[in-house]
Amino acid sequence: MSSSFFIKKKENPTFDKKGKNTQAPKRKGDGDSGGKSKVQAKKPSKYNEEISSDSETESRVEPKRRQSNQETEYDETPQEKKLRLAKLYLDQLKEEEENKAEEDSFETDLIAGRLQEEVLEQKGKLQRLIAKDLMPPDASEIRVLRGHKLPVTCLVVTSDDKYIFSAAKDCSIIKWDVESGKKLHTIHGGRKGTEDRHVGHTAHILCMSVSSDGKYLATGDMNKLIMIWEAETCKHLYKFTGHKGPVSGLSFRKGTHDLYSASHDRSIKVWNVDENAYVETLFGHQDAITGLDSLSRERCVTAGGRDRSVRVWKIAEESQLVFHGHEGSIDCIQLINEEHMITGADDGSVSLWSVNKKKPLSTVKQAHGCHGDAGLEQPHWVASVAALQNSDTVASGSHNSQVQLWKCGQNYRALEPLFNVTVPGFVNSMKFSSSGQFLVAGVGQEHRLGRWWRIKEAKNGIYIIPLKRKPPNPEEAKLSE
């Protein structure tokens, strides 16, 4: 009994003076103190394992039976796998279709807006109302490009507003960069009698036109010739002959390479530049044709000079509409849109027309004032007109050294003066930029057709007139700030 008593006593823990268990480190597998110290030692390593790899930790602590249950739970037959992947694929397709539908809806709205604009443009009902916001530029803001030795007779601006082509009585053609004002190319004119060996014009150039895609440039001269050039390089491509008088008007049909030409021989000719081919000739005017213009429809409009008629030529139908209204020779014409046009005459009047009315919708007489002694006053004749397409803004130029800007009233039934800009000399040609940011005027000491009147103080050049917009009112300015 005594021996068993002492054995039991040894199993009880003993403590030192400080209260520490002196037997715990010597005993293995102790359920209380030994087990607790083992868990405390492993905690840090277990925490680190959870951060680095969840799967390893779970595999260590999960019983085998649970793992086998999971394998059974996620194990799927090939048919089930196919079905699951098919569902995922269908969901993905559905999401893609929904996203595409949203994009298509947005694009459809944009296209619908553009189509609506095109329809309105074709009907002549698209009108950008910008005239009310325009204000005259300061003289210092007008840029002058000089390069021609003789009066500038005609000019065009490319549809991207980057380049200007100009021509003059010196038979030269110059391509200008709008932004820098620098000359990019010069096609020099030749002397009369050198036509066989000179590539270019040897007579006064009266008209020019550039295709809407900027590919071709066409020029016409007093020598009855039409020259076709590559607009980018100014390389000569073709020469069209057939007119029996000076070529006074040229216009590419918008969006095509069909070219319309007008001449003092009273005829209109149609050409296909891509095919280097002549198409047909139309007759009707009773006097020399002085101007021609066209847009995207298969038709063109012409001014008939001293026969005092304006004509609309329906090319496909081989028919024409005849309009009368001016009292003098109609010297210039421009389309505002497919349904409306503006003309100027040597009686000093400017008129607005509709292709559906035989008489002008509105006429301003003595648009540029008069000159001469009292009782013998004569109106300054209108030498050129320009129209900002599909807008309410037009311009006229005269030999009184003035460019006059006008606002077209509602339904084009009135012309209201906006302001004028002084450019010393005959305003022989004008064109608005497509963006409406500037107006270009070709000016010379003489009229483009004759030398009966010379302005000595004038200088030959191209004037780039900025079309400034009025600043917003103070309240709007504060809001914008």
Protein backbone atom coordinates (compact mmCIF):
# COMPACT_ATOMS: atom_id res chain seq x y z
CA MET A 1 0.00 0.00 0.00
CA SER A 2 2.78 2.33 0.81
CA SER A 3 4.49 1.74 -2.55
CA SER A 4 1.35 2.47 -4.52
CA PHE A 5 0.78 5.58 -2.45
CA PHE A 6 4.21 6.97 -3.35
CA ILE A 7 3.72 6.15 -7.07
CA LYS A 8 0.49 8.15 -7.16
CA LYS A 9 2.17 10.98 -5.39
CA LYS A 10 4.89 11.15 -8.03
CA GLU A 11 2.26 11.60 -10.75
CA ASN A 12 1.03 14.83 -9.21
CA PRO A 13 2.71 17.98 -10.54
CA THR A 14 5.33 19.59 -8.39
CA PHE A 15 6.05 23.30 -8.28
CA ASP A 16 9.16 25.26 -7.44
CA LYS A 17 9.28 28.25 -5.20
CA LYS A 18 8.14 30.58 -8.00
CA GLY A 19 5.04 28.44 -8.76
CA LYS A 20 6.32 26.92 -12.04
CA ASN A 21 5.57 23.33 -13.01
CA THR A 22 8.93 21.61 -12.95
CA GLN A 23 7.69 18.26 -14.34
CA ALA A 24 5.75 19.54 -17.41
CA PRO A 25 8.70 19.71 -19.86
CA LYS A 26 9.70 16.12 -18.96
CA ARG A 27 6.27 14.60 -19.72
CA LYS A 28 5.25 13.77 -23.28
CA GLY A 29 1.69 13.70 -24.38
CA ASP A 30 0.33 15.56 -21.37
CA GLY A 31 -3.29 16.43 -22.20
CA ASP A 32 -3.33 19.83 -20.45
CA SER A 33 -0.12 21.75 -20.15
CA GLY A 34 1.87 19.89 -22.86
CA GLY A 35 -0.92 20.10 -25.48
CA LYS A 36 -1.53 23.80 -24.85
CA SER A 37 2.09 24.78 -25.35
CA LYS A 38 2.17 22.79 -28.62
CA VAL A 39 -0.78 24.74 -30.11
CA GLN A 40 0.70 28.08 -29.07
CA ALA A 41 3.95 27.25 -30.85
CA LYS A 42 2.14 26.34 -34.12
CA LYS A 43 -0.19 29.35 -34.38
CA PRO A 44 2.20 31.70 -36.19
CA SER A 45 3.13 29.15 -38.90
CA LYS A 46 -0.55 28.23 -39.46
CA TYR A 47 -1.45 31.94 -39.98
CA ASN A 48 1.27 32.34 -42.59
CA GLU A 49 0.10 29.25 -44.44
CA GLU A 50 -3.43 30.63 -44.76
CA ILE A 51 -2.08 33.75 -46.49
CA SER A 52 0.04 31.88 -48.99
CA SER A 53 -2.12 28.91 -49.89
CA ASP A 54 -5.66 28.11 -48.78
CA SER A 55 -5.72 24.73 -50.46
CA GLU A 56 -2.69 23.38 -48.58
CA THR A 57 -4.11 24.31 -45.17
CA GLU A 58 -7.50 22.83 -45.95
CA SER A 59 -5.96 19.60 -47.18
CA ARG A 60 -4.06 19.23 -43.89
CA VAL A 61 -6.97 19.74 -41.56
CA GLU A 62 -9.84 18.14 -43.53
CA PRO A 63 -10.49 14.47 -42.99
CA LYS A 64 -10.23 12.12 -45.93
CA ARG A 65 -13.93 11.37 -45.77
CA ARG A 66 -14.84 15.05 -46.35
CA GLN A 67 -12.47 15.30 -49.31
CA SER A 68 -14.01 12.31 -50.93
CA ASN A 69 -17.46 13.87 -50.44
CA GLN A 70 -16.32 17.04 -52.25
CA GLU A 71 -14.94 15.01 -55.15
CA THR A 72 -18.27 13.26 -55.42
CA GLU A 73 -20.15 16.55 -55.21
CA TYR A 74 -18.23 18.28 -58.07
CA ASP A 75 -17.67 15.29 -60.23
CA GLU A 76 -19.76 15.72 -63.44
CA THR A 77 -20.40 13.58 -66.44
CA PRO A 78 -19.25 14.69 -69.92
CA GLN A 79 -22.88 15.42 -70.80
CA GLU A 80 -23.31 17.66 -67.75
CA LYS A 81 -20.07 19.45 -68.57
CA LYS A 82 -21.25 20.10 -72.12
CA LEU A 83 -24.53 21.45 -70.80
CA ARG A 84 -22.80 23.75 -68.30
CA LEU A 85 -20.39 25.12 -70.95
CA ALA A 86 -23.27 25.61 -73.36
CA LYS A 87 -25.14 27.68 -70.77
CA LEU A 88 -22.05 29.78 -70.11
CA TYR A 89 -21.60 30.33 -73.84
CA LEU A 90 -25.24 31.34 -74.26
CA ASP A 91 -24.99 33.80 -71.35
CA GLN A 92 -21.87 35.28 -72.91
CA LEU A 93 -23.59 35.63 -76.30
CA LYS A 94 -26.60 37.24 -74.64
CA GLU A 95 -24.38 39.80 -72.90
CA GLU A 96 -22.51 40.56 -76.13
CA GLU A 97 -25.79 40.99 -78.02
CA GLU A 98 -27.10 43.38 -75.37
CA ASN A 99 -23.91 45.47 -75.56
CA LYS A 100 -24.03 45.43 -79.35
CA ALA A 101 -27.69 46.47 -79.30
CA GLU A 102 -26.80 49.50 -77.18
CA GLU A 103 -23.96 50.46 -79.56
CA ASP A 104 -26.17 49.88 -82.61
CA SER A 105 -28.88 52.03 -81.08
CA PHE A 106 -26.37 54.85 -80.57
CA GLU A 107 -25.01 54.49 -84.12
CA THR A 108 -28.54 54.31 -85.50
CA ASP A 109 -29.38 57.60 -83.83
CA LEU A 110 -26.24 59.19 -85.33
CA ILE A 111 -26.97 57.79 -88.79
CA ALA A 112 -30.60 58.84 -88.54
CA GLY A 113 -29.47 62.37 -87.70
CA ARG A 114 -27.08 62.43 -90.64
CA LEU A 115 -29.70 61.01 -93.02
CA GLN A 116 -32.18 63.59 -91.83
CA GLU A 117 -29.61 66.31 -92.52
CA GLU A 118 -28.97 64.88 -95.99
CA VAL A 119 -32.69 64.74 -96.76
CA LEU A 120 -33.15 68.34 -95.61
CA GLU A 121 -30.08 69.32 -97.63
CA GLN A 122 -31.45 67.66 -100.76
CA LYS A 123 -34.79 69.40 -100.26
CA GLY A 124 -33.10 72.74 -99.71
CA LYS A 125 -34.54 73.04 -96.21
CA LEU A 126 -31.35 72.69 -94.19
CA GLN A 127 -30.40 76.16 -92.99
CA ARG A 128 -27.66 76.89 -90.47
CA LEU A 129 -28.57 80.15 -88.75
CA ILE A 130 -25.21 81.78 -88.13
CA ALA A 131 -25.61 85.28 -89.61
CA LYS A 132 -26.91 86.78 -86.35
CA ASP A 133 -23.69 85.79 -84.56
CA LEU A 134 -21.24 87.26 -87.08
CA MET A 135 -19.32 90.44 -86.48
CA PRO A 136 -16.86 92.40 -88.65
CA PRO A 137 -13.18 91.52 -88.25
CA ASP A 138 -10.47 94.05 -87.42
CA ALA A 139 -8.32 95.12 -90.36
CA SER A 140 -5.29 93.56 -88.66
CA GLU A 141 -7.01 90.16 -88.63
CA ILE A 142 -7.35 89.98 -92.41
CA ARG A 143 -4.49 88.07 -94.00
CA VAL A 144 -3.24 88.87 -97.52
CA LEU A 145 -1.50 86.33 -99.75
CA ARG A 146 0.54 87.78 -102.59
CA GLY A 147 2.12 85.86 -105.45
CA HIS A 148 0.33 86.67 -108.69
CA LYS A 149 1.82 89.43 -110.84
CA LEU A 150 -1.52 90.36 -112.45
CA PRO A 151 -5.12 90.60 -111.15
CA VAL A 152 -6.54 87.51 -109.48
CA THR A 153 -9.48 86.23 -111.53
CA CYS A 154 -10.74 83.14 -109.68
CA LEU A 155 -10.13 80.91 -106.67
CA VAL A 156 -11.44 77.86 -104.82
CA VAL A 157 -11.11 76.43 -101.30
CA THR A 158 -10.82 72.66 -100.76
CA SER A 159 -13.63 71.02 -98.81
CA ASP A 160 -11.32 70.34 -95.84
CA ASP A 161 -10.45 74.08 -95.65
CA LYS A 162 -6.71 73.31 -95.82
CA TYR A 163 -5.82 74.68 -99.25
CA ILE A 164 -6.66 77.53 -101.60
CA PHE A 165 -6.10 77.43 -105.35
CA SER A 166 -5.97 80.77 -107.16
CA ALA A 167 -5.45 81.85 -110.76
CA ALA A 168 -4.80 85.16 -112.46
CA LYS A 169 -4.40 87.06 -115.70
CA ASP A 170 -0.71 86.13 -115.66
CA CYS A 171 -1.91 82.58 -116.56
CA SER A 172 -0.44 81.14 -113.36
CA ILE A 173 -2.02 78.84 -110.77
CA ILE A 174 -0.90 78.85 -107.13
CA LYS A 175 -1.71 76.36 -104.39
CA TRP A 176 -1.67 77.92 -100.91
CA ASP A 177 -1.62 76.45 -97.43
CA VAL A 178 -4.39 78.17 -95.47
CA GLU A 179 -2.84 77.82 -92.02
CA SER A 180 0.65 79.10 -92.86
CA GLY A 181 -0.22 81.24 -95.88
CA LYS A 182 2.71 79.74 -97.78
CA LYS A 183 2.83 78.83 -101.45
CA LEU A 184 2.97 75.06 -101.88
CA HIS A 185 3.00 74.86 -105.69
CA THR A 186 3.12 77.31 -108.58
CA ILE A 187 2.13 76.39 -112.14
CA HIS A 188 3.62 79.16 -114.24
CA GLY A 189 1.81 80.57 -117.21
CA GLY A 190 3.26 80.50 -120.72
CA ARG A 191 3.38 83.00 -123.52
CA LYS A 192 0.87 83.01 -126.32
CA GLY A 193 2.04 80.75 -129.12
CA THR A 194 3.85 78.28 -126.82
CA GLU A 195 0.83 75.98 -126.32
CA ASP A 196 2.54 73.02 -127.99
CA ARG A 197 5.53 72.94 -125.64
CA HIS A 198 4.23 74.60 -122.46
CA VAL A 199 2.41 72.52 -119.83
CA GLY A 200 -0.13 74.99 -118.50
CA HIS A 201 -2.23 77.93 -119.58
CA THR A 202 -1.09 80.55 -122.07
CA ALA A 203 -4.19 82.78 -121.74
CA HIS A 204 -6.08 84.44 -118.90
CA ILE A 205 -7.62 81.88 -116.56
CA LEU A 206 -11.26 82.76 -115.92
CA CYS A 207 -12.60 79.93 -113.75
CA MET A 208 -11.65 76.91 -111.68
CA SER A 209 -13.20 74.14 -109.59
CA VAL A 210 -11.89 71.43 -107.24
CA SER A 211 -13.66 68.09 -106.72
CA SER A 212 -15.27 67.53 -103.33
CA ASP A 213 -12.79 64.74 -102.50
CA GLY A 214 -9.84 67.01 -103.36
CA LYS A 215 -8.56 64.71 -106.12
CA TYR A 216 -8.95 66.88 -109.22
CA LEU A 217 -8.56 70.57 -110.05
CA ALA A 218 -10.11 71.94 -113.24
CA THR A 219 -9.21 75.32 -114.80
CA GLY A 220 -10.62 77.14 -117.82
CA ASP A 221 -9.14 79.98 -119.87
CA MET A 222 -9.77 82.61 -122.54
CA ASN A 223 -8.19 80.25 -125.07
CA LYS A 224 -11.21 77.86 -124.95
CA LEU A 225 -9.25 75.21 -123.03
CA ILE A 226 -10.03 73.20 -119.90
CA MET A 227 -7.06 71.76 -117.99
CA ILE A 228 -7.35 68.92 -115.46
CA TRP A 229 -4.73 68.68 -112.70
CA GLU A 230 -3.97 66.35 -109.82
CA ALA A 231 -4.82 68.63 -106.92
CA GLU A 232 -2.31 67.18 -104.47
CA THR A 233 0.78 67.47 -106.67
CA CYS A 234 -0.45 69.97 -109.30
CA LYS A 235 0.58 67.47 -111.95
CA HIS A 236 -1.08 68.01 -115.35
CA LEU A 237 -3.40 65.16 -116.34
CA TYR A 238 -5.73 66.05 -119.22
CA LYS A 239 -6.71 68.79 -121.62
CA PHE A 240 -10.35 69.12 -122.68
CA THR A 241 -11.18 70.92 -125.92
CA GLY A 242 -14.48 71.55 -127.65
CA HIS A 243 -15.74 74.94 -126.53
CA LYS A 244 -15.71 77.60 -129.24
CA GLY A 245 -15.36 80.53 -126.85
CA PRO A 246 -13.66 81.42 -123.55
CA VAL A 247 -14.47 78.98 -120.73
CA SER A 248 -16.26 81.11 -118.12
CA GLY A 249 -17.58 78.58 -115.60
CA LEU A 250 -16.56 75.21 -114.12
CA SER A 251 -18.08 73.06 -111.39
CA PHE A 252 -17.60 69.49 -110.21
CA ARG A 253 -20.81 67.79 -109.19
CA LYS A 254 -20.51 67.19 -105.44
CA GLY A 255 -19.50 63.63 -104.52
CA THR A 256 -18.54 62.77 -108.11
CA HIS A 257 -15.95 63.51 -110.78
CA ASP A 258 -18.56 64.74 -113.27
CA LEU A 259 -17.55 68.19 -114.49
CA TYR A 260 -19.84 70.89 -115.88
CA SER A 261 -18.37 73.68 -118.02
CA ALA A 262 -19.87 76.90 -119.40
CA SER A 263 -18.58 79.15 -122.14
CA HIS A 264 -19.08 82.40 -123.98
CA ASP A 265 -20.16 80.16 -126.88
CA ARG A 266 -23.50 79.91 -124.97
CA SER A 267 -23.19 76.16 -124.34
CA ILE A 268 -22.94 73.86 -121.32
CA LYS A 269 -20.77 70.76 -121.62
CA VAL A 270 -20.66 67.68 -119.40
CA TRP A 271 -17.42 65.72 -118.89
CA ASN A 272 -16.39 62.57 -117.00
CA VAL A 273 -12.92 63.25 -115.62
CA ASP A 274 -12.32 59.68 -114.38
CA GLU A 275 -12.80 58.40 -117.92
CA ASN A 276 -11.16 61.44 -119.54
CA ALA A 277 -14.33 61.65 -121.60
CA TYR A 278 -16.78 64.14 -123.08
CA VAL A 279 -20.45 63.32 -122.36
CA GLU A 280 -22.81 65.87 -123.91
CA THR A 281 -23.56 69.51 -124.80
CA LEU A 282 -26.60 71.56 -123.80
CA PHE A 283 -27.82 74.76 -125.45
CA GLY A 284 -30.34 77.41 -124.45
CA HIS A 285 -28.77 80.75 -123.51
CA GLN A 286 -28.99 83.61 -125.98
CA ASP A 287 -25.79 85.34 -124.86
CA ALA A 288 -22.40 84.51 -123.36
CA ILE A 289 -22.68 82.47 -120.14
CA THR A 290 -20.92 84.31 -117.31
CA GLY A 291 -21.21 81.91 -114.38
CA LEU A 292 -22.04 78.33 -113.39
CA ASP A 293 -22.50 76.34 -110.18
CA SER A 294 -23.68 72.91 -109.01
CA LEU A 295 -24.10 70.83 -105.85
CA SER A 296 -24.91 67.12 -105.48
CA ARG A 297 -27.98 66.83 -107.70
CA GLU A 298 -27.53 65.98 -111.36
CA ARG A 299 -28.18 69.56 -112.36
CA CYS A 300 -26.39 72.89 -112.62
CA VAL A 301 -27.35 76.57 -112.66
CA THR A 302 -26.02 79.26 -114.97
CA ALA A 303 -26.09 83.03 -115.39
CA GLY A 304 -26.69 84.15 -118.96
CA GLY A 305 -25.06 87.57 -118.96
CA ARG A 306 -26.91 89.97 -121.21
CA ASP A 307 -29.77 87.63 -122.03
CA ARG A 308 -30.74 88.47 -118.41
CA SER A 309 -31.75 84.91 -117.62
CA VAL A 310 -30.89 82.40 -114.95
CA ARG A 311 -31.26 78.77 -115.97
CA VAL A 312 -31.50 75.49 -114.10
CA TRP A 313 -30.28 72.58 -116.22
CA LYS A 314 -31.70 69.12 -115.44
CA ILE A 315 -28.96 67.03 -117.01
CA ALA A 316 -30.61 63.59 -116.89
CA GLU A 317 -33.88 64.93 -118.29
CA GLU A 318 -32.11 67.17 -120.82
CA SER A 319 -34.43 70.01 -119.85
CA GLN A 320 -34.04 73.52 -118.45
CA LEU A 321 -35.94 76.03 -116.36
CA VAL A 322 -35.65 79.72 -117.27
CA PHE A 323 -35.84 82.59 -114.75
CA HIS A 324 -35.87 86.38 -115.27
CA GLY A 325 -35.56 89.28 -112.86
CA HIS A 326 -32.43 91.44 -113.23
CA GLU A 327 -32.47 94.56 -115.37
CA GLY A 328 -28.80 94.30 -116.31
CA SER A 329 -26.28 91.65 -117.28
CA ILE A 330 -26.18 88.80 -114.75
CA ASP A 331 -22.48 88.30 -114.12
CA CYS A 332 -22.27 85.80 -111.23
CA ILE A 333 -24.26 83.02 -109.59
CA GLN A 334 -23.89 80.66 -106.59
CA LEU A 335 -26.12 77.97 -105.09
CA ILE A 336 -26.95 78.36 -101.39
CA ASN A 337 -28.53 74.91 -101.25
CA GLU A 338 -30.26 72.59 -103.71
CA GLU A 339 -33.31 74.85 -103.87
CA HIS A 340 -31.98 78.41 -103.52
CA MET A 341 -29.34 80.57 -105.21
CA ILE A 342 -27.93 84.09 -105.26
CA THR A 343 -27.02 86.21 -108.29
CA GLY A 344 -25.34 89.55 -108.92
CA ALA A 345 -25.61 91.90 -111.91
CA ASP A 346 -23.95 94.94 -113.44
CA ASP A 347 -27.05 97.00 -112.56
CA GLY A 348 -25.81 96.81 -108.94
CA SER A 349 -28.50 94.41 -107.75
CA VAL A 350 -28.28 91.20 -105.74
CA SER A 351 -31.14 88.68 -105.91
CA LEU A 352 -32.25 85.56 -104.06
CA TRP A 353 -34.01 82.84 -106.06
CA SER A 354 -35.91 79.60 -105.53
CA VAL A 355 -35.81 76.94 -108.24
CA ASN A 356 -39.59 76.74 -107.85
CA LYS A 357 -40.25 80.43 -108.64
CA LYS A 358 -39.69 82.16 -111.95
CA LYS A 359 -39.02 85.53 -110.31
CA PRO A 360 -36.59 86.44 -107.52
CA LEU A 361 -37.76 85.93 -103.94
CA SER A 362 -35.89 89.09 -102.95
CA THR A 363 -33.81 91.76 -104.71
CA VAL A 364 -31.63 94.51 -103.28
CA LYS A 365 -30.96 97.26 -105.77
CA GLN A 366 -27.78 99.36 -105.58
CA ALA A 367 -26.43 96.77 -103.15
CA HIS A 368 -23.00 98.44 -103.16
CA GLY A 369 -24.13 102.05 -103.55
CA CYS A 370 -23.53 104.42 -106.45
CA HIS A 371 -20.75 106.51 -107.94
CA GLY A 372 -20.63 109.53 -110.27
CA ASP A 373 -21.74 113.14 -110.26
CA ALA A 374 -25.08 114.25 -108.87
CA GLY A 375 -27.85 113.36 -111.22
CA LEU A 376 -25.57 111.00 -113.16
CA GLU A 377 -25.05 108.36 -110.51
CA GLN A 378 -24.38 104.81 -111.60
CA PRO A 379 -24.58 101.78 -109.31
CA HIS A 380 -21.40 99.87 -108.48
CA TRP A 381 -21.85 96.64 -110.39
CA VAL A 382 -21.68 93.34 -108.55
CA ALA A 383 -18.69 91.35 -109.84
CA SER A 384 -18.91 88.28 -107.59
CA VAL A 385 -21.15 86.50 -105.10
CA ALA A 386 -20.55 83.69 -102.60
CA ALA A 387 -22.78 81.53 -100.41
CA LEU A 388 -22.03 79.56 -97.26
CA GLN A 389 -23.78 76.33 -98.18
CA ASN A 390 -26.92 75.40 -96.27
CA SER A 391 -26.82 78.57 -94.18
CA ASP A 392 -28.39 82.01 -94.02
CA THR A 393 -25.16 83.83 -94.92
CA VAL A 394 -24.12 85.13 -98.37
CA ALA A 395 -21.70 87.76 -99.67
CA SER A 396 -21.28 90.04 -102.66
CA GLY A 397 -18.24 91.84 -104.04
CA SER A 398 -17.95 94.89 -106.26
CA HIS A 399 -15.43 97.22 -107.89
CA ASN A 400 -15.95 99.68 -105.02
CA SER A 401 -13.40 97.66 -102.98
CA GLN A 402 -16.09 96.30 -100.68
CA VAL A 403 -17.15 92.82 -99.65
CA GLN A 404 -20.71 93.00 -98.32
CA LEU A 405 -22.08 90.24 -96.09
CA TRP A 406 -25.81 89.58 -96.01
CA LYS A 407 -28.27 87.65 -93.89
CA CYS A 408 -30.99 85.71 -95.72
CA GLY A 409 -34.38 86.20 -94.08
CA GLN A 410 -36.89 83.49 -93.29
CA ASN A 411 -37.60 81.27 -96.32
CA TYR A 412 -35.03 83.37 -98.23
CA ARG A 413 -37.57 86.11 -98.82
CA ALA A 414 -35.34 88.98 -97.68
CA LEU A 415 -31.72 90.12 -97.70
CA GLU A 416 -30.50 92.10 -94.71
CA PRO A 417 -27.05 93.76 -94.73
CA LEU A 418 -24.70 92.61 -91.94
CA PHE A 419 -21.43 94.50 -92.46
CA ASN A 420 -18.85 95.21 -95.16
CA VAL A 421 -15.10 94.62 -95.35
CA THR A 422 -12.73 96.80 -97.35
CA VAL A 423 -10.38 95.02 -99.78
CA PRO A 424 -8.81 97.55 -102.21
CA GLY A 425 -9.57 96.56 -105.79
CA PHE A 426 -12.01 94.59 -107.95
CA VAL A 427 -13.46 91.69 -106.00
CA ASN A 428 -13.34 89.21 -108.87
CA SER A 429 -14.00 85.97 -106.97
CA MET A 430 -15.10 84.84 -103.51
CA LYS A 431 -15.53 81.54 -101.68
CA PHE A 432 -16.62 80.64 -98.14
CA SER A 433 -14.78 77.88 -96.31
CA SER A 434 -16.88 74.76 -95.72
CA SER A 435 -16.66 75.27 -91.95
CA GLY A 436 -17.81 78.88 -92.19
CA GLN A 437 -14.71 80.09 -90.36
CA PHE A 438 -13.45 82.38 -93.12
CA LEU A 439 -14.23 83.96 -96.49
CA VAL A 440 -11.62 84.21 -99.24
CA ALA A 441 -11.67 87.04 -101.80
CA GLY A 442 -9.59 87.25 -104.96
CA VAL A 443 -8.80 90.90 -105.70
CA GLY A 444 -7.18 92.68 -108.63
CA GLN A 445 -6.58 96.08 -110.16
CA GLU A 446 -8.90 95.17 -113.04
CA HIS A 447 -12.10 93.25 -113.67
CA ARG A 448 -11.45 89.62 -114.55
CA LEU A 449 -12.79 90.01 -118.09
CA GLY A 450 -11.51 93.41 -119.24
CA ARG A 451 -9.25 96.40 -118.76
CA TRP A 452 -11.74 99.20 -119.24
CA TRP A 453 -11.40 100.27 -115.62
CA ARG A 454 -8.26 100.15 -113.50
CA ILE A 455 -7.91 100.88 -109.78
CA LYS A 456 -4.36 102.14 -109.43
CA GLU A 457 -4.18 101.95 -105.62
CA ALA A 458 -5.35 98.34 -105.64
CA LYS A 459 -2.98 95.43 -105.08
CA ASN A 460 -3.42 91.99 -106.58
CA GLY A 461 -3.86 89.38 -103.86
CA ILE A 462 -5.96 86.87 -101.97
CA TYR A 463 -7.65 88.17 -98.83
CA ILE A 464 -8.57 85.69 -96.07
CA ILE A 465 -11.34 87.32 -94.04
CA PRO A 466 -12.10 85.64 -90.68
CA LEU A 467 -15.79 85.27 -89.83
CA LYS A 468 -15.79 86.26 -86.18
CA ARG A 469 -18.60 85.29 -83.83
CA LYS A 470 -20.04 87.68 -81.30
CA PRO A 471 -19.00 86.93 -77.71
CA PRO A 472 -21.73 85.65 -75.39
CA ASN A 473 -23.54 88.20 -73.23
CA PRO A 474 -22.02 88.90 -69.75
CA GLU A 475 -24.36 86.55 -67.94
CA GLU A 476 -23.48 83.68 -70.28
CA ALA A 477 -19.79 84.52 -69.97
CA LYS A 478 -20.03 84.32 -66.14
CA LEU A 479 -21.77 80.98 -66.38
CA SER A 480 -19.12 79.62 -68.74
CA GLU A 481 -16.37 80.75 -66.35
